Amino acid sequence: MPNTKSAIRRVRRVKKQTQVNRIRKSKYKNAVKQMEFHLKAKDREKAKKYFSKFQSILMQVAKSGIINKNTAARKISRISKKISSK
């Protein structure tokens, strides 16, 4: 249990931030799943249309520190290769 006023405030702040982080992580995971779904269905047109939104979501999440920027860049690069090579 927090004893000081600042520790009590910090606990409240961490709770709120944890919720925000959960939402962001969920958004990221859903974007990856959606893109994989389009690629497995061999629907290149939908994958191409969704790619810009996918890229945007990944960079937003990376910017906020939920995932590493290099991880986001790697995922974007690999998906881009899959879309263009097929």
PDB file of N, CA and C in Angstrom:
ATOM      1  N   MET A   1       0.834  -1.191   0.000  1.00  0.00           N
ATOM      2  CA  MET A   1       0.000   0.000   0.000  1.00  0.00           C
ATOM      3  C   MET A   1       0.879   1.256   0.000  1.00  0.00           C
ATOM      4  N   PRO A   2       0.480   2.223  -0.832  1.00  0.00           N
ATOM      5  CA  PRO A   2       1.248   3.469  -0.851  1.00  0.00           C
ATOM      6  C   PRO A   2       1.005   4.276   0.431  1.00  0.00           C
ATOM      7  N   ASN A   3       2.063   4.858   0.944  1.00  0.00           N
ATOM      8  CA  ASN A   3       1.968   5.603   2.198  1.00  0.00           C
ATOM      9  C   ASN A   3       1.922   7.111   1.997  1.00  0.00           C
ATOM     10  N   THR A   4       2.622   7.600   1.009  1.00  0.00           N
ATOM     11  CA  THR A   4       2.681   9.052   0.808  1.00  0.00           C
ATOM     12  C   THR A   4       1.647   9.491  -0.221  1.00  0.00           C
ATOM     13  N   LYS A   5       1.359  10.800  -0.198  1.00  0.00           N
ATOM     14  CA  LYS A   5       0.389  11.348  -1.138  1.00  0.00           C
ATOM     15  C   LYS A   5       0.840  11.148  -2.575  1.00  0.00           C
ATOM     16  N   SER A   6       2.115  11.367  -2.807  1.00  0.00           N
ATOM     17  CA  SER A   6       2.632  11.233  -4.177  1.00  0.00           C
ATOM     18  C   SER A   6       2.547   9.781  -4.656  1.00  0.00           C
ATOM     19  N   ALA A   7       2.752   8.839  -3.752  1.00  0.00           N
ATOM     20  CA  ALA A   7       2.659   7.422  -4.111  1.00  0.00           C
ATOM     21  C   ALA A   7       1.211   7.045  -4.434  1.00  0.00           C
ATOM     22  N   ILE A   8       0.275   7.611  -3.702  1.00  0.00           N
ATOM     23  CA  ILE A   8      -1.147   7.357  -3.952  1.00  0.00           C
ATOM     24  C   ILE A   8      -1.526   7.884  -5.336  1.00  0.00           C
ATOM     25  N   ARG A   9      -1.070   9.101  -5.640  1.00  0.00           N
ATOM     26  CA  ARG A   9      -1.342   9.684  -6.962  1.00  0.00           C
ATOM     27  C   ARG A   9      -0.704   8.854  -8.060  1.00  0.00           C
ATOM     28  N   ARG A  10       0.484   8.372  -7.779  1.00  0.00           N
ATOM     29  CA  ARG A  10       1.199   7.566  -8.772  1.00  0.00           C
ATOM     30  C   ARG A  10       0.451   6.262  -9.082  1.00  0.00           C
ATOM     31  N   VAL A  11      -0.136   5.652  -8.069  1.00  0.00           N
ATOM     32  CA  VAL A  11      -0.903   4.427  -8.268  1.00  0.00           C
ATOM     33  C   VAL A  11      -2.096   4.703  -9.191  1.00  0.00           C
ATOM     34  N   ARG A  12      -2.787   5.832  -8.941  1.00  0.00           N
ATOM     35  CA  ARG A  12      -3.923   6.197  -9.800  1.00  0.00           C
ATOM     36  C   ARG A  12      -3.465   6.415 -11.236  1.00  0.00           C
ATOM     37  N   ARG A  13      -2.358   7.089 -11.399  1.00  0.00           N
ATOM     38  CA  ARG A  13      -1.821   7.405 -12.729  1.00  0.00           C
ATOM     39  C   ARG A  13      -1.406   6.129 -13.473  1.00  0.00           C
ATOM     40  N   VAL A  14      -0.790   5.208 -12.759  1.00  0.00           N
ATOM     41  CA  VAL A  14      -0.358   3.949 -13.373  1.00  0.00           C
ATOM     42  C   VAL A  14      -1.563   3.137 -13.843  1.00  0.00           C
ATOM     43  N   LYS A  15      -2.652   3.146 -13.064  1.00  0.00           N
ATOM     44  CA  LYS A  15      -3.866   2.430 -13.469  1.00  0.00           C
ATOM     45  C   LYS A  15      -4.391   2.958 -14.794  1.00  0.00           C
ATOM     46  N   LYS A  16      -4.467   4.288 -14.895  1.00  0.00           N
ATOM     47  CA  LYS A  16      -4.964   4.902 -16.128  1.00  0.00           C
ATOM     48  C   LYS A  16      -4.045   4.586 -17.299  1.00  0.00           C
ATOM     49  N   GLN A  17      -2.752   4.685 -17.061  1.00  0.00           N
ATOM     50  CA  GLN A  17      -1.787   4.454 -18.129  1.00  0.00           C
ATOM     51  C   GLN A  17      -1.801   2.992 -18.583  1.00  0.00           C
ATOM     52  N   THR A  18      -2.027   2.077 -17.649  1.00  0.00           N
ATOM     53  CA  THR A  18      -2.106   0.656 -17.986  1.00  0.00           C
ATOM     54  C   THR A  18      -3.283   0.408 -18.919  1.00  0.00           C
ATOM     55  N   GLN A  19      -4.406   1.054 -18.656  1.00  0.00           N
ATOM     56  CA  GLN A  19      -5.573   0.910 -19.528  1.00  0.00           C
ATOM     57  C   GLN A  19      -5.273   1.434 -20.929  1.00  0.00           C
ATOM     58  N   VAL A  20      -4.632   2.579 -21.004  1.00  0.00           N
ATOM     59  CA  VAL A  20      -4.277   3.166 -22.297  1.00  0.00           C
ATOM     60  C   VAL A  20      -3.332   2.241 -23.053  1.00  0.00           C
ATOM     61  N   ASN A  21      -2.348   1.704 -22.356  1.00  0.00           N
ATOM     62  CA  ASN A  21      -1.386   0.805 -22.990  1.00  0.00           C
ATOM     63  C   ASN A  21      -2.067  -0.467 -23.492  1.00  0.00           C
ATOM     64  N   ARG A  22      -3.014  -0.988 -22.724  1.00  0.00           N
ATOM     65  CA  ARG A  22      -3.757  -2.182 -23.149  1.00  0.00           C
ATOM     66  C   ARG A  22      -4.517  -1.922 -24.433  1.00  0.00           C
ATOM     67  N   ILE A  23      -5.146  -0.757 -24.511  1.00  0.00           N
ATOM     68  CA  ILE A  23      -5.899  -0.387 -25.707  1.00  0.00           C
ATOM     69  C   ILE A  23      -4.967  -0.302 -26.910  1.00  0.00           C
ATOM     70  N   ARG A  24      -3.824   0.324 -26.718  1.00  0.00           N
ATOM     71  CA  ARG A  24      -2.860   0.469 -27.814  1.00  0.00           C
ATOM     72  C   ARG A  24      -2.315  -0.884 -28.267  1.00  0.00           C
ATOM     73  N   LYS A  25      -2.003  -1.737 -27.314  1.00  0.00           N
ATOM     74  CA  LYS A  25      -1.475  -3.061 -27.657  1.00  0.00           C
ATOM     75  C   LYS A  25      -2.526  -3.875 -28.413  1.00  0.00           C
ATOM     76  N   SER A  26      -3.779  -3.765 -27.980  1.00  0.00           N
ATOM     77  CA  SER A  26      -4.870  -4.466 -28.641  1.00  0.00           C
ATOM     78  C   SER A  26      -5.043  -3.961 -30.073  1.00  0.00           C
ATOM     79  N   LYS A  27      -4.960  -2.657 -30.240  1.00  0.00           N
ATOM     80  CA  LYS A  27      -5.068  -2.041 -31.562  1.00  0.00           C
ATOM     81  C   LYS A  27      -3.970  -2.571 -32.493  1.00  0.00           C
ATOM     82  N   TYR A  28      -2.760  -2.683 -31.959  1.00  0.00           N
ATOM     83  CA  TYR A  28      -1.612  -3.192 -32.706  1.00  0.00           C
ATOM     84  C   TYR A  28      -1.825  -4.658 -33.108  1.00  0.00           C
ATOM     85  N   LYS A  29      -2.238  -5.473 -32.151  1.00  0.00           N
ATOM     86  CA  LYS A  29      -2.441  -6.898 -32.429  1.00  0.00           C
ATOM     87  C   LYS A  29      -3.553  -7.107 -33.454  1.00  0.00           C
ATOM     88  N   ASN A  30      -4.618  -6.332 -33.337  1.00  0.00           N
ATOM     89  CA  ASN A  30      -5.715  -6.447 -34.297  1.00  0.00           C
ATOM     90  C   ASN A  30      -5.275  -6.051 -35.695  1.00  0.00           C
ATOM     91  N   ALA A  31      -4.439  -5.032 -35.795  1.00  0.00           N
ATOM     92  CA  ALA A  31      -3.946  -4.591 -37.106  1.00  0.00           C
ATOM     93  C   ALA A  31      -3.111  -5.690 -37.757  1.00  0.00           C
ATOM     94  N   VAL A  32      -2.253  -6.329 -36.976  1.00  0.00           N
ATOM     95  CA  VAL A  32      -1.408  -7.409 -37.497  1.00  0.00           C
ATOM     96  C   VAL A  32      -2.275  -8.585 -37.942  1.00  0.00           C
ATOM     97  N   LYS A  33      -3.252  -8.952 -37.121  1.00  0.00           N
ATOM     98  CA  LYS A  33      -4.143 -10.071 -37.454  1.00  0.00           C
ATOM     99  C   LYS A  33      -4.943  -9.774 -38.723  1.00  0.00           C
ATOM    100  N   GLN A  34      -5.419  -8.540 -38.833  1.00  0.00           N
ATOM    101  CA  GLN A  34      -6.200  -8.146 -40.006  1.00  0.00           C
ATOM    102  C   GLN A  34      -5.358  -8.255 -41.277  1.00  0.00           C
ATOM    103  N   MET A  35      -4.119  -7.795 -41.208  1.00  0.00           N
ATOM    104  CA  MET A  35      -3.237  -7.852 -42.369  1.00  0.00           C
ATOM    105  C   MET A  35      -2.922  -9.299 -42.730  1.00  0.00           C
ATOM    106  N   GLU A  36      -2.649 -10.123 -41.735  1.00  0.00           N
ATOM    107  CA  GLU A  36      -2.378 -11.541 -41.990  1.00  0.00           C
ATOM    108  C   GLU A  36      -3.596 -12.217 -42.619  1.00  0.00           C
ATOM    109  N   PHE A  37      -4.792 -11.829 -42.176  1.00  0.00           N
ATOM    110  CA  PHE A  37      -6.022 -12.385 -42.726  1.00  0.00           C
ATOM    111  C   PHE A  37      -6.133 -12.060 -44.212  1.00  0.00           C
ATOM    112  N   HIS A  38      -5.854 -10.796 -44.569  1.00  0.00           N
ATOM    113  CA  HIS A  38      -5.912 -10.389 -45.978  1.00  0.00           C
ATOM    114  C   HIS A  38      -4.891 -11.150 -46.808  1.00  0.00           C
ATOM    115  N   LEU A  39      -3.710 -11.367 -46.255  1.00  0.00           N
ATOM    116  CA  LEU A  39      -2.660 -12.065 -47.002  1.00  0.00           C
ATOM    117  C   LEU A  39      -2.979 -13.554 -47.162  1.00  0.00           C
ATOM    118  N   LYS A  40      -3.522 -14.169 -46.114  1.00  0.00           N
ATOM    119  CA  LYS A  40      -3.875 -15.592 -46.197  1.00  0.00           C
ATOM    120  C   LYS A  40      -5.018 -15.817 -47.178  1.00  0.00           C
ATOM    121  N   ALA A  41      -5.940 -14.854 -47.242  1.00  0.00           N
ATOM    122  CA  ALA A  41      -7.069 -14.962 -48.157  1.00  0.00           C
ATOM    123  C   ALA A  41      -6.640 -14.649 -49.599  1.00  0.00           C
ATOM    124  N   LYS A  42      -5.374 -14.295 -49.760  1.00  0.00           N
ATOM    125  CA  LYS A  42      -4.809 -13.935 -51.066  1.00  0.00           C
ATOM    126  C   LYS A  42      -5.598 -12.800 -51.713  1.00  0.00           C
ATOM    127  N   ASP A  43      -6.009 -11.872 -50.880  1.00  0.00           N
ATOM    128  CA  ASP A  43      -6.757 -10.702 -51.339  1.00  0.00           C
ATOM    129  C   ASP A  43      -5.802  -9.503 -51.358  1.00  0.00           C
ATOM    130  N   ARG A  44      -5.007  -9.411 -52.411  1.00  0.00           N
ATOM    131  CA  ARG A  44      -3.975  -8.375 -52.483  1.00  0.00           C
ATOM    132  C   ARG A  44      -4.548  -6.967 -52.514  1.00  0.00           C
ATOM    133  N   GLU A  45      -5.683  -6.795 -53.162  1.00  0.00           N
ATOM    134  CA  GLU A  45      -6.269  -5.456 -53.263  1.00  0.00           C
ATOM    135  C   GLU A  45      -6.659  -4.919 -51.883  1.00  0.00           C
ATOM    136  N   LYS A  46      -7.298  -5.753 -51.095  1.00  0.00           N
ATOM    137  CA  LYS A  46      -7.676  -5.326 -49.740  1.00  0.00           C
ATOM    138  C   LYS A  46      -6.433  -5.102 -48.892  1.00  0.00           C
ATOM    139  N   ALA A  47      -5.437  -5.973 -49.081  1.00  0.00           N
ATOM    140  CA  ALA A  47      -4.189  -5.830 -48.327  1.00  0.00           C
ATOM    141  C   ALA A  47      -3.505  -4.511 -48.686  1.00  0.00           C
ATOM    142  N   LYS A  48      -3.496  -4.174 -49.968  1.00  0.00           N
ATOM    143  CA  LYS A  48      -2.877  -2.905 -50.402  1.00  0.00           C
ATOM    144  C   LYS A  48      -3.629  -1.707 -49.840  1.00  0.00           C
ATOM    145  N   LYS A  49      -4.959  -1.785 -49.837  1.00  0.00           N
ATOM    146  CA  LYS A  49      -5.770  -0.682 -49.301  1.00  0.00           C
ATOM    147  C   LYS A  49      -5.542  -0.528 -47.807  1.00  0.00           C
ATOM    148  N   TYR A  50      -5.432  -1.653 -47.123  1.00  0.00           N
ATOM    149  CA  TYR A  50      -5.283  -1.629 -45.655  1.00  0.00           C
ATOM    150  C   TYR A  50      -3.855  -1.290 -45.226  1.00  0.00           C
ATOM    151  N   PHE A  51      -2.902  -1.429 -46.145  1.00  0.00           N
ATOM    152  CA  PHE A  51      -1.488  -1.274 -45.789  1.00  0.00           C
ATOM    153  C   PHE A  51      -1.167   0.090 -45.183  1.00  0.00           C
ATOM    154  N   SER A  52      -1.716   1.171 -45.737  1.00  0.00           N
ATOM    155  CA  SER A  52      -1.391   2.502 -45.208  1.00  0.00           C
ATOM    156  C   SER A  52      -1.919   2.666 -43.779  1.00  0.00           C
ATOM    157  N   LYS A  53      -3.110   2.142 -43.530  1.00  0.00           N
ATOM    158  CA  LYS A  53      -3.670   2.209 -42.171  1.00  0.00           C
ATOM    159  C   LYS A  53      -2.847   1.335 -41.226  1.00  0.00           C
ATOM    160  N   PHE A  54      -2.469   0.161 -41.705  1.00  0.00           N
ATOM    161  CA  PHE A  54      -1.640  -0.771 -40.937  1.00  0.00           C
ATOM    162  C   PHE A  54      -0.321  -0.107 -40.532  1.00  0.00           C
ATOM    163  N   GLN A  55       0.301   0.533 -41.507  1.00  0.00           N
ATOM    164  CA  GLN A  55       1.579   1.210 -41.269  1.00  0.00           C
ATOM    165  C   GLN A  55       1.403   2.335 -40.248  1.00  0.00           C
ATOM    166  N   SER A  56       0.321   3.080 -40.380  1.00  0.00           N
ATOM    167  CA  SER A  56       0.041   4.182 -39.470  1.00  0.00           C
ATOM    168  C   SER A  56      -0.137   3.683 -38.038  1.00  0.00           C
ATOM    169  N   ILE A  57      -0.908   2.628 -37.875  1.00  0.00           N
ATOM    170  CA  ILE A  57      -1.161   2.070 -36.539  1.00  0.00           C
ATOM    171  C   ILE A  57       0.143   1.602 -35.909  1.00  0.00           C
ATOM    172  N   LEU A  58       0.955   0.886 -36.676  1.00  0.00           N
ATOM    173  CA  LEU A  58       2.216   0.377 -36.140  1.00  0.00           C
ATOM    174  C   LEU A  58       3.150   1.511 -35.716  1.00  0.00           C
ATOM    175  N   MET A  59       3.231   2.556 -36.514  1.00  0.00           N
ATOM    176  CA  MET A  59       4.118   3.663 -36.160  1.00  0.00           C
ATOM    177  C   MET A  59       3.604   4.441 -34.943  1.00  0.00           C
ATOM    178  N   GLN A  60       2.279   4.571 -34.818  1.00  0.00           N
ATOM    179  CA  GLN A  60       1.706   5.233 -33.639  1.00  0.00           C
ATOM    180  C   GLN A  60       2.042   4.453 -32.376  1.00  0.00           C
ATOM    181  N   VAL A  61       1.901   3.150 -32.454  1.00  0.00           N
ATOM    182  CA  VAL A  61       2.165   2.291 -31.297  1.00  0.00           C
ATOM    183  C   VAL A  61       3.653   2.323 -30.962  1.00  0.00           C
ATOM    184  N   ALA A  62       4.493   2.326 -31.987  1.00  0.00           N
ATOM    185  CA  ALA A  62       5.943   2.382 -31.763  1.00  0.00           C
ATOM    186  C   ALA A  62       6.333   3.721 -31.142  1.00  0.00           C
ATOM    187  N   LYS A  63       5.695   4.766 -31.592  1.00  0.00           N
ATOM    188  CA  LYS A  63       5.987   6.112 -31.083  1.00  0.00           C
ATOM    189  C   LYS A  63       5.669   6.216 -29.598  1.00  0.00           C
ATOM    190  N   SER A  64       4.597   5.543 -29.170  1.00  0.00           N
ATOM    191  CA  SER A  64       4.205   5.606 -27.770  1.00  0.00           C
ATOM    192  C   SER A  64       4.990   4.622 -26.899  1.00  0.00           C
ATOM    193  N   GLY A  65       5.811   3.768 -27.529  1.00  0.00           N
ATOM    194  CA  GLY A  65       6.687   2.894 -26.757  1.00  0.00           C
ATOM    195  C   GLY A  65       6.097   1.532 -26.434  1.00  0.00           C
ATOM    196  N   ILE A  66       4.960   1.201 -27.017  1.00  0.00           N
ATOM    197  CA  ILE A  66       4.353  -0.100 -26.751  1.00  0.00           C
ATOM    198  C   ILE A  66       5.193  -1.196 -27.404  1.00  0.00           C
ATOM    199  N   ILE A  67       5.644  -0.929 -28.630  1.00  0.00           N
ATOM    200  CA  ILE A  67       6.598  -1.827 -29.281  1.00  0.00           C
ATOM    201  C   ILE A  67       7.793  -0.997 -29.724  1.00  0.00           C
ATOM    202  N   ASN A  68       8.884  -1.663 -29.971  1.00  0.00           N
ATOM    203  CA  ASN A  68      10.092  -0.978 -30.407  1.00  0.00           C
ATOM    204  C   ASN A  68       9.925  -0.463 -31.831  1.00  0.00           C
ATOM    205  N   LYS A  69      10.551   0.664 -32.152  1.00  0.00           N
ATOM    206  CA  LYS A  69      10.444   1.234 -33.494  1.00  0.00           C
ATOM    207  C   LYS A  69      11.012   0.295 -34.548  1.00  0.00           C
ATOM    208  N   ASN A  70      12.078  -0.402 -34.193  1.00  0.00           N
ATOM    209  CA  ASN A  70      12.667  -1.344 -35.150  1.00  0.00           C
ATOM    210  C   ASN A  70      11.742  -2.531 -35.408  1.00  0.00           C
ATOM    211  N   THR A  71      11.010  -2.957 -34.389  1.00  0.00           N
ATOM    212  CA  THR A  71      10.040  -4.045 -34.557  1.00  0.00           C
ATOM    213  C   THR A  71       8.955  -3.620 -35.523  1.00  0.00           C
ATOM    214  N   ALA A  72       8.445  -2.406 -35.342  1.00  0.00           N
ATOM    215  CA  ALA A  72       7.403  -1.890 -36.233  1.00  0.00           C
ATOM    216  C   ALA A  72       7.927  -1.803 -37.664  1.00  0.00           C
ATOM    217  N   ALA A  73       9.129  -1.274 -37.815  1.00  0.00           N
ATOM    218  CA  ALA A  73       9.723  -1.131 -39.150  1.00  0.00           C
ATOM    219  C   ALA A  73       9.923  -2.496 -39.804  1.00  0.00           C
ATOM    220  N   ARG A  74      10.359  -3.473 -39.026  1.00  0.00           N
ATOM    221  CA  ARG A  74      10.574  -4.818 -39.553  1.00  0.00           C
ATOM    222  C   ARG A  74       9.257  -5.439 -40.020  1.00  0.00           C
ATOM    223  N   LYS A  75       8.221  -5.292 -39.214  1.00  0.00           N
ATOM    224  CA  LYS A  75       6.923  -5.862 -39.584  1.00  0.00           C
ATOM    225  C   LYS A  75       6.376  -5.186 -40.850  1.00  0.00           C
ATOM    226  N   ILE A  76       6.503  -3.880 -40.919  1.00  0.00           N
ATOM    227  CA  ILE A  76       6.033  -3.137 -42.090  1.00  0.00           C
ATOM    228  C   ILE A  76       6.796  -3.585 -43.326  1.00  0.00           C
ATOM    229  N   SER A  77       8.094  -3.731 -43.183  1.00  0.00           N
ATOM    230  CA  SER A  77       8.933  -4.141 -44.309  1.00  0.00           C
ATOM    231  C   SER A  77       8.561  -5.528 -44.813  1.00  0.00           C
ATOM    232  N   ARG A  78       8.384  -6.456 -43.906  1.00  0.00           N
ATOM    233  CA  ARG A  78       8.057  -7.832 -44.301  1.00  0.00           C
ATOM    234  C   ARG A  78       6.689  -7.921 -44.961  1.00  0.00           C
ATOM    235  N   ILE A  79       5.731  -7.182 -44.431  1.00  0.00           N
ATOM    236  CA  ILE A  79       4.390  -7.175 -45.024  1.00  0.00           C
ATOM    237  C   ILE A  79       4.447  -6.530 -46.411  1.00  0.00           C
ATOM    238  N   SER A  80       5.220  -5.476 -46.527  1.00  0.00           N
ATOM    239  CA  SER A  80       5.365  -4.786 -47.811  1.00  0.00           C
ATOM    240  C   SER A  80       5.935  -5.733 -48.866  1.00  0.00           C
ATOM    241  N   LYS A  81       6.925  -6.518 -48.465  1.00  0.00           N
ATOM    242  CA  LYS A  81       7.526  -7.495 -49.389  1.00  0.00           C
ATOM    243  C   LYS A  81       6.487  -8.523 -49.809  1.00  0.00           C
ATOM    244  N   LYS A  82       5.690  -8.998 -48.872  1.00  0.00           N
ATOM    245  CA  LYS A  82       4.672  -9.997 -49.173  1.00  0.00           C
ATOM    246  C   LYS A  82       3.630  -9.457 -50.153  1.00  0.00           C
ATOM    247  N   ILE A  83       3.257  -8.199 -49.966  1.00  0.00           N
ATOM    248  CA  ILE A  83       2.248  -7.602 -50.836  1.00  0.00           C
ATOM    249  C   ILE A  83       2.793  -7.416 -52.255  1.00  0.00           C
ATOM    250  N   SER A  84       4.021  -6.912 -52.337  1.00  0.00           N
ATOM    251  CA  SER A  84       4.582  -6.602 -53.656  1.00  0.00           C
ATOM    252  C   SER A  84       5.072  -7.829 -54.411  1.00  0.00           C
ATOM    253  N   SER A  85       5.477  -8.879 -53.704  1.00  0.00           N
ATOM    254  CA  SER A  85       6.049 -10.051 -54.384  1.00  0.00           C
ATOM    255  C   SER A  85       4.995 -10.953 -55.002  1.00  0.00           C
ATOM    256  N   LYS A  86       3.789 -10.931 -54.457  1.00  0.00           N
ATOM    257  CA  LYS A  86       2.754 -11.849 -54.950  1.00  0.00           C
ATOM    258  C   LYS A  86       2.151 -11.386 -56.231  1.00  0.00           C
TER     259      LYS A  86
END
